[in-house]
Amino acid sequence: MSGNIDSLSGKELVASAVEARSRITKEISRVIVGQGKVVELLLVSLFSRGHGLFIGVPGLAKTLLVHTLADALDMNFSRVQFTPDLMPSDITGTEILEEDPTSGKRVFNFVKGPIFTNILLADEINRTSPKTQAALLQAMQEYKVSAGGTDHALAQPFLVYATQNPIEQEGTYPLPEAQLDRFMFSIEVGYPDAEEEMEIVSRTTSGDPEPVAKVLGPEEILSFQRAVPKVPVADVAVKYAVDLVRATRPGAGALKAVSEWVAWGAGPRAAQHLVLGAKARALLDGRFAAGPEDVKALMLPVLKHRVVPNFRAEAQRVGVDEIIGEVAEKIRVA
């Protein structure tokens, strides 16, 4: 990729983003079959500096997808397998008392944990306790780790991609709402269709997979992340994002479906993620302006993990998808 991304004009930036998307997608497709929508959301989150939560049953290549993305980017990568006995210090690092060989004095030195990387894969994040899950909160929001009264900055770019198995409940811990809200997207990873499954079986039983080339480095990713907020967005799209988010909250004047089925709605961070995601989606799609169609396309993955159904919804087996669908039907572009 040629040129300094920070100095590109709008037209050049769009061309550069489309080229980057094509190169990354090509490398991912060497290993991952299908899952086009999932890959799209992964790239939108990457370019808009948002963390992603991948939800799906075992065997759908959630871990492999993130690992392949890391292979295609010339950045540091760490994977942490979350288990019930995992401690916060196993992620963030810990202070160790050591003796200074020159002075003979004992001093505390901070030994960095796996969170000090560019891409962190939190595998099966719901298998560890809320205390350990919370170790990610500060890092995901503030891009630093506090230990022993000292702040340790994380290298940039920094992204957390977590996986979660929705069918196993024994020995798991639900993610706190505060942690869920730090994830830009909740991405559902579904089963492949018959043709894709044939291709998966054929590829994985006939030898080693194709090697993945590194196509982008950290400086290029950072440049795109700085450029995304500068992408123009129509006022009508911003209003649409805010209206959608506000419509998920129960209270006076709430939609009937929300009043009946929602305990808590989405907060302002959801609207921020909708607009930032819309800008990144437009740029990767070859457009230097985001519109309501981009907001609508990202509505479900942005809102799904932020809308909390009440007991009535659970008793009547009303899912979050249905609630958000009702909101989408009622809230129109102004």
Protein backbone atom coordinates (compact mmCIF):
# COMPACT_ATOMS: atom_id res chain seq x y z
CA MET A 1 0.00 0.00 0.00
CA SER A 2 1.57 3.26 -1.10
CA GLY A 3 1.50 6.73 0.39
CA ASN A 4 0.95 8.19 3.83
CA ILE A 5 -2.64 7.42 4.77
CA ASP A 6 -2.89 10.46 7.09
CA SER A 7 -2.20 12.82 4.17
CA LEU A 8 -4.56 11.24 1.62
CA SER A 9 -7.53 13.07 0.15
CA GLY A 10 -11.02 11.66 0.64
CA LYS A 11 -11.01 9.89 -2.71
CA GLU A 12 -7.53 8.46 -2.15
CA LEU A 13 -8.43 7.36 1.39
CA VAL A 14 -11.47 5.46 0.10
CA ALA A 15 -9.36 3.70 -2.54
CA SER A 16 -6.74 2.84 0.05
CA ALA A 17 -9.36 1.44 2.47
CA VAL A 18 -10.98 -0.67 -0.24
CA GLU A 19 -7.57 -2.04 -1.22
CA ALA A 20 -6.78 -2.85 2.43
CA ARG A 21 -10.12 -4.62 2.84
CA SER A 22 -9.49 -6.65 -0.31
CA ARG A 23 -6.01 -7.70 0.81
CA ILE A 24 -7.07 -8.70 4.32
CA THR A 25 -10.17 -10.53 3.07
CA LYS A 26 -8.10 -12.42 0.52
CA GLU A 27 -5.72 -13.69 3.21
CA ILE A 28 -8.56 -14.62 5.57
CA SER A 29 -10.30 -16.56 2.79
CA ARG A 30 -7.22 -18.79 2.47
CA VAL A 31 -8.21 -20.30 5.81
CA ILE A 32 -11.85 -19.35 6.50
CA VAL A 33 -14.63 -20.53 4.21
CA GLY A 34 -17.70 -18.28 3.92
CA GLN A 35 -18.78 -16.23 6.96
CA GLY A 36 -18.83 -13.07 4.82
CA LYS A 37 -20.97 -11.05 7.23
CA VAL A 38 -18.82 -12.06 10.20
CA VAL A 39 -15.63 -11.05 8.37
CA GLU A 40 -17.22 -7.72 7.41
CA LEU A 41 -18.06 -6.92 11.03
CA LEU A 42 -14.58 -8.00 12.10
CA LEU A 43 -13.01 -5.52 9.66
CA VAL A 44 -15.42 -2.73 10.62
CA SER A 45 -14.46 -3.20 14.27
CA LEU A 46 -10.76 -3.28 13.37
CA PHE A 47 -10.91 -0.01 11.41
CA SER A 48 -13.15 1.78 13.94
CA ARG A 49 -11.08 0.70 16.98
CA GLY A 50 -13.89 -1.37 18.46
CA HIS A 51 -13.73 -4.63 20.40
CA GLY A 52 -15.76 -7.64 19.26
CA LEU A 53 -17.56 -10.51 20.99
CA PHE A 54 -18.02 -13.61 18.81
CA ILE A 55 -20.83 -15.93 19.87
CA GLY A 56 -21.37 -19.37 18.36
CA VAL A 57 -21.37 -23.09 19.07
CA PRO A 58 -18.06 -25.01 19.07
CA GLY A 59 -16.41 -25.82 15.77
CA LEU A 60 -17.42 -22.71 13.79
CA ALA A 61 -13.86 -21.32 13.55
CA LYS A 62 -14.37 -18.33 15.87
CA THR A 63 -10.89 -18.68 17.36
CA LEU A 64 -9.38 -19.54 13.99
CA LEU A 65 -10.91 -16.41 12.41
CA VAL A 66 -9.29 -14.06 14.93
CA HIS A 67 -6.03 -15.99 14.74
CA THR A 68 -6.07 -15.69 10.93
CA LEU A 69 -6.70 -11.94 11.12
CA ALA A 70 -3.70 -11.63 13.43
CA ASP A 71 -1.63 -13.68 10.97
CA ALA A 72 -2.61 -11.28 8.16
CA LEU A 73 -1.55 -8.23 10.19
CA ASP A 74 2.04 -7.54 11.16
CA MET A 75 1.10 -6.95 14.81
CA ASN A 76 1.62 -8.63 18.15
CA PHE A 77 -0.99 -11.22 19.10
CA SER A 78 -1.82 -12.99 22.37
CA ARG A 79 -4.38 -15.67 23.13
CA VAL A 80 -5.68 -16.32 26.64
CA GLN A 81 -7.78 -19.42 27.32
CA PHE A 82 -10.24 -18.33 30.00
CA THR A 83 -10.76 -20.93 32.74
CA PRO A 84 -12.43 -20.86 36.18
CA ASP A 85 -9.06 -20.63 37.98
CA LEU A 86 -7.70 -17.76 35.85
CA MET A 87 -6.68 -14.75 37.96
CA PRO A 88 -6.71 -11.07 36.92
CA SER A 89 -2.92 -10.93 37.21
CA ASP A 90 -2.68 -13.79 34.69
CA ILE A 91 -4.01 -11.30 32.13
CA THR A 92 -2.70 -7.90 33.19
CA GLY A 93 0.60 -8.91 34.80
CA THR A 94 1.94 -8.73 38.34
CA GLU A 95 4.55 -7.02 40.47
CA ILE A 96 7.48 -9.18 41.58
CA LEU A 97 9.86 -8.35 44.39
CA GLU A 98 13.41 -8.51 43.07
CA GLU A 99 16.82 -7.54 44.36
CA ASP A 100 18.70 -4.82 42.51
CA PRO A 101 22.17 -6.31 41.84
CA THR A 102 23.87 -2.88 41.92
CA SER A 103 22.38 -1.45 45.13
CA GLY A 104 21.34 -4.63 46.89
CA LYS A 105 17.92 -3.11 47.60
CA ARG A 106 14.71 -4.99 46.99
CA VAL A 107 12.34 -3.33 44.53
CA PHE A 108 9.06 -4.21 42.89
CA ASN A 109 9.20 -4.74 39.13
CA PHE A 110 6.09 -5.06 37.02
CA VAL A 111 6.04 -8.12 34.76
CA LYS A 112 3.65 -7.50 31.89
CA GLY A 113 0.91 -10.00 31.13
CA PRO A 114 -0.49 -11.12 27.77
CA ILE A 115 -2.75 -8.06 27.60
CA PHE A 116 0.29 -6.06 26.49
CA THR A 117 -0.19 -6.83 22.82
CA ASN A 118 -1.99 -5.43 19.77
CA ILE A 119 -4.68 -8.09 19.39
CA LEU A 120 -5.84 -10.05 22.42
CA LEU A 121 -8.01 -13.13 21.90
CA ALA A 122 -10.04 -13.84 25.04
CA ASP A 123 -11.10 -17.40 24.28
CA GLU A 124 -14.31 -18.61 25.99
CA ILE A 125 -14.45 -15.46 28.07
CA ASN A 126 -17.53 -16.59 30.00
CA ARG A 127 -15.65 -19.52 31.56
CA THR A 128 -13.88 -17.32 34.11
CA SER A 129 -15.19 -15.37 37.08
CA PRO A 130 -16.53 -11.79 36.84
CA LYS A 131 -13.50 -10.62 38.86
CA THR A 132 -11.15 -11.84 36.16
CA GLN A 133 -13.43 -10.67 33.34
CA ALA A 134 -13.32 -7.21 34.90
CA ALA A 135 -9.53 -7.16 34.50
CA LEU A 136 -10.19 -6.29 30.87
CA LEU A 137 -12.47 -3.31 31.58
CA GLN A 138 -9.86 -0.61 32.10
CA ALA A 139 -7.73 -1.84 29.23
CA MET A 140 -10.66 -1.93 26.80
CA GLN A 141 -11.78 1.60 27.65
CA GLU A 142 -8.65 3.49 28.69
CA TYR A 143 -5.91 1.50 26.90
CA LYS A 144 -3.83 1.16 30.05
CA VAL A 145 -3.32 -1.12 33.05
CA SER A 146 -2.95 0.18 36.61
CA ALA A 147 -0.74 -1.79 39.00
CA GLY A 148 0.93 -0.74 42.24
CA GLY A 149 -0.22 2.86 41.79
CA THR A 150 1.38 3.12 38.35
CA ASP A 151 -0.34 3.28 34.96
CA HIS A 152 1.16 1.15 32.21
CA ALA A 153 0.11 2.23 28.72
CA LEU A 154 -0.82 -0.41 26.17
CA ALA A 155 0.72 -0.44 22.72
CA GLN A 156 -1.49 0.88 19.93
CA PRO A 157 -3.47 -0.35 18.16
CA PHE A 158 -5.09 -2.47 20.88
CA LEU A 159 -8.16 -4.63 20.29
CA VAL A 160 -9.89 -7.34 22.31
CA TYR A 161 -11.75 -10.09 20.47
CA ALA A 162 -13.57 -12.53 22.72
CA THR A 163 -15.35 -15.80 21.97
CA GLN A 164 -18.31 -17.27 23.81
CA ASN A 165 -20.19 -20.57 23.56
CA PRO A 166 -23.95 -19.90 23.99
CA ILE A 167 -25.09 -23.48 24.62
CA GLU A 168 -22.90 -24.53 27.55
CA GLN A 169 -24.14 -22.96 30.78
CA GLU A 170 -22.57 -25.24 33.40
CA GLY A 171 -19.36 -23.78 34.77
CA THR A 172 -19.84 -20.45 33.00
CA TYR A 173 -20.32 -16.90 34.25
CA PRO A 174 -22.49 -14.33 32.44
CA LEU A 175 -20.58 -11.25 31.37
CA PRO A 176 -21.52 -8.16 33.43
CA GLU A 177 -23.45 -5.50 31.53
CA ALA A 178 -20.61 -3.00 32.10
CA GLN A 179 -18.21 -5.33 30.31
CA LEU A 180 -20.63 -6.16 27.51
CA ASP A 181 -21.05 -2.44 26.83
CA ARG A 182 -17.31 -2.16 26.10
CA PHE A 183 -17.72 -4.45 23.09
CA MET A 184 -18.65 -2.62 19.93
CA PHE A 185 -20.29 -5.65 18.33
CA SER A 186 -21.87 -8.88 19.44
CA ILE A 187 -21.28 -11.06 16.37
CA GLU A 188 -23.31 -14.20 15.83
CA VAL A 189 -21.31 -16.92 14.07
CA GLY A 190 -23.71 -19.35 12.42
CA TYR A 191 -23.45 -22.70 10.69
CA PRO A 192 -22.10 -22.78 7.12
CA ASP A 193 -24.39 -23.76 4.28
CA ALA A 194 -24.05 -27.17 2.60
CA GLU A 195 -21.69 -26.01 -0.13
CA GLU A 196 -19.43 -24.17 2.34
CA GLU A 197 -19.36 -27.17 4.66
CA MET A 198 -18.27 -29.39 1.78
CA GLU A 199 -15.43 -26.93 1.07
CA ILE A 200 -14.43 -26.82 4.76
CA VAL A 201 -14.24 -30.60 5.02
CA SER A 202 -12.35 -30.86 1.73
CA ARG A 203 -9.77 -28.25 2.73
CA THR A 204 -9.16 -29.48 6.25
CA THR A 205 -8.72 -33.12 5.30
CA SER A 206 -6.37 -32.73 2.35
CA GLY A 207 -3.15 -31.34 3.79
CA ASP A 208 -1.75 -28.23 5.40
CA PRO A 209 -3.66 -24.93 4.93
CA GLU A 210 -2.27 -22.22 2.70
CA PRO A 211 0.13 -19.82 4.44
CA VAL A 212 -1.24 -16.38 5.28
CA ALA A 213 0.80 -13.34 4.25
CA LYS A 214 1.12 -10.25 6.42
CA VAL A 215 -0.46 -7.40 4.48
CA LEU A 216 -0.81 -4.49 6.93
CA GLY A 217 1.25 -3.23 9.85
CA PRO A 218 0.33 -1.36 13.04
CA GLU A 219 1.06 2.12 11.64
CA GLU A 220 -1.28 1.56 8.70
CA ILE A 221 -4.04 0.25 10.96
CA LEU A 222 -3.58 3.23 13.29
CA SER A 223 -3.78 5.61 10.34
CA PHE A 224 -7.09 4.09 9.24
CA GLN A 225 -8.38 4.24 12.82
CA ARG A 226 -7.52 7.95 12.94
CA ALA A 227 -9.18 8.52 9.57
CA VAL A 228 -12.52 6.81 10.33
CA PRO A 229 -13.85 9.49 12.74
CA LYS A 230 -13.15 12.12 10.07
CA VAL A 231 -15.44 10.42 7.53
CA PRO A 232 -18.51 12.64 6.98
CA VAL A 233 -21.85 11.35 8.22
CA ALA A 234 -25.27 12.79 7.39
CA ASP A 235 -27.12 14.47 10.27
CA VAL A 236 -30.09 12.28 9.47
CA ALA A 237 -27.94 9.18 10.07
CA VAL A 238 -26.76 10.46 13.46
CA LYS A 239 -30.34 11.23 14.47
CA TYR A 240 -31.43 7.79 13.28
CA ALA A 241 -28.73 6.15 15.43
CA VAL A 242 -29.73 8.15 18.51
CA ASP A 243 -33.45 7.50 17.92
CA LEU A 244 -32.84 3.75 17.64
CA VAL A 245 -30.83 3.63 20.85
CA ARG A 246 -33.26 5.78 22.83
CA ALA A 247 -36.17 3.64 21.61
CA THR A 248 -34.70 0.58 23.34
CA ARG A 249 -35.17 2.14 26.80
CA PRO A 250 -38.33 1.49 28.83
CA GLY A 251 -40.08 4.39 30.50
CA ALA A 252 -42.57 7.12 29.73
CA GLY A 253 -43.47 7.15 26.04
CA ALA A 254 -41.62 3.91 25.28
CA LEU A 255 -42.70 1.61 22.47
CA LYS A 256 -45.18 -1.09 23.48
CA ALA A 257 -42.71 -3.93 22.82
CA VAL A 258 -40.02 -2.19 24.88
CA SER A 259 -42.38 -1.47 27.79
CA GLU A 260 -43.51 -5.09 27.87
CA TRP A 261 -40.25 -6.92 27.33
CA VAL A 262 -37.22 -4.77 28.21
CA ALA A 263 -35.67 -4.33 31.65
CA TRP A 264 -32.79 -2.09 30.53
CA GLY A 265 -32.06 -0.45 27.20
CA ALA A 266 -28.86 0.59 25.48
CA GLY A 267 -26.76 3.52 26.69
CA PRO A 268 -25.14 6.40 24.77
CA ARG A 269 -22.07 4.29 23.89
CA ALA A 270 -24.32 2.26 21.59
CA ALA A 271 -25.12 5.36 19.51
CA GLN A 272 -21.43 6.25 19.38
CA HIS A 273 -20.59 2.76 18.13
CA LEU A 274 -23.39 2.89 15.57
CA VAL A 275 -22.06 6.11 14.07
CA LEU A 276 -18.38 5.11 14.18
CA GLY A 277 -19.21 1.70 12.73
CA ALA A 278 -21.28 3.34 9.99
CA LYS A 279 -18.31 5.52 9.04
CA ALA A 280 -15.95 2.54 8.89
CA ARG A 281 -18.47 0.47 6.93
CA ALA A 282 -18.92 3.25 4.37
CA LEU A 283 -15.16 3.68 3.97
CA LEU A 284 -14.53 -0.05 3.51
CA ASP A 285 -17.44 -0.15 1.06
CA GLY A 286 -15.84 2.54 -1.11
CA ARG A 287 -17.84 5.57 0.06
CA PHE A 288 -16.53 8.71 1.76
CA ALA A 289 -19.78 9.44 3.57
CA ALA A 290 -21.93 7.36 5.92
CA GLY A 291 -25.71 7.28 5.75
CA PRO A 292 -28.71 5.75 7.49
CA GLU A 293 -28.30 2.50 5.54
CA ASP A 294 -24.94 1.95 7.27
CA VAL A 295 -26.51 2.56 10.69
CA LYS A 296 -29.34 0.13 9.95
CA ALA A 297 -26.93 -2.56 8.76
CA LEU A 298 -25.07 -2.45 12.10
CA MET A 299 -28.11 -2.06 14.37
CA LEU A 300 -28.42 -5.69 15.51
CA PRO A 301 -24.74 -6.42 16.35
CA VAL A 302 -24.44 -3.08 18.19
CA LEU A 303 -27.67 -3.36 20.20
CA LYS A 304 -28.10 -7.08 20.80
CA HIS A 305 -25.80 -7.36 23.81
CA ARG A 306 -26.95 -4.06 25.29
CA VAL A 307 -30.71 -4.65 25.48
CA VAL A 308 -31.65 -6.68 28.58
CA PRO A 309 -34.99 -8.55 28.37
CA ASN A 310 -37.16 -8.71 31.49
CA PHE A 311 -38.74 -11.77 33.13
CA ARG A 312 -41.89 -11.43 31.02
CA ALA A 313 -39.87 -11.67 27.80
CA GLU A 314 -38.06 -14.74 29.09
CA ALA A 315 -41.32 -16.37 30.18
CA GLN A 316 -42.90 -15.69 26.79
CA ARG A 317 -39.68 -16.73 24.99
CA VAL A 318 -39.29 -13.38 23.30
CA GLY A 319 -35.69 -12.95 22.16
CA VAL A 320 -33.61 -9.81 21.85
CA ASP A 321 -33.64 -10.12 18.05
CA GLU A 322 -37.42 -9.89 18.06
CA ILE A 323 -37.40 -6.86 20.36
CA ILE A 324 -34.85 -5.02 18.21
CA GLY A 325 -36.86 -5.98 15.12
CA GLU A 326 -39.92 -4.30 16.67
CA VAL A 327 -37.86 -1.19 17.37
CA ALA A 328 -36.59 -1.13 13.78
CA GLU A 329 -40.15 -1.36 12.47
CA LYS A 330 -41.29 1.64 14.49
CA ILE A 331 -38.26 3.91 14.22
CA ARG A 332 -37.89 5.32 10.73
CA VAL A 333 -35.31 7.62 9.15
CA ALA A 334 -36.50 11.19 9.71
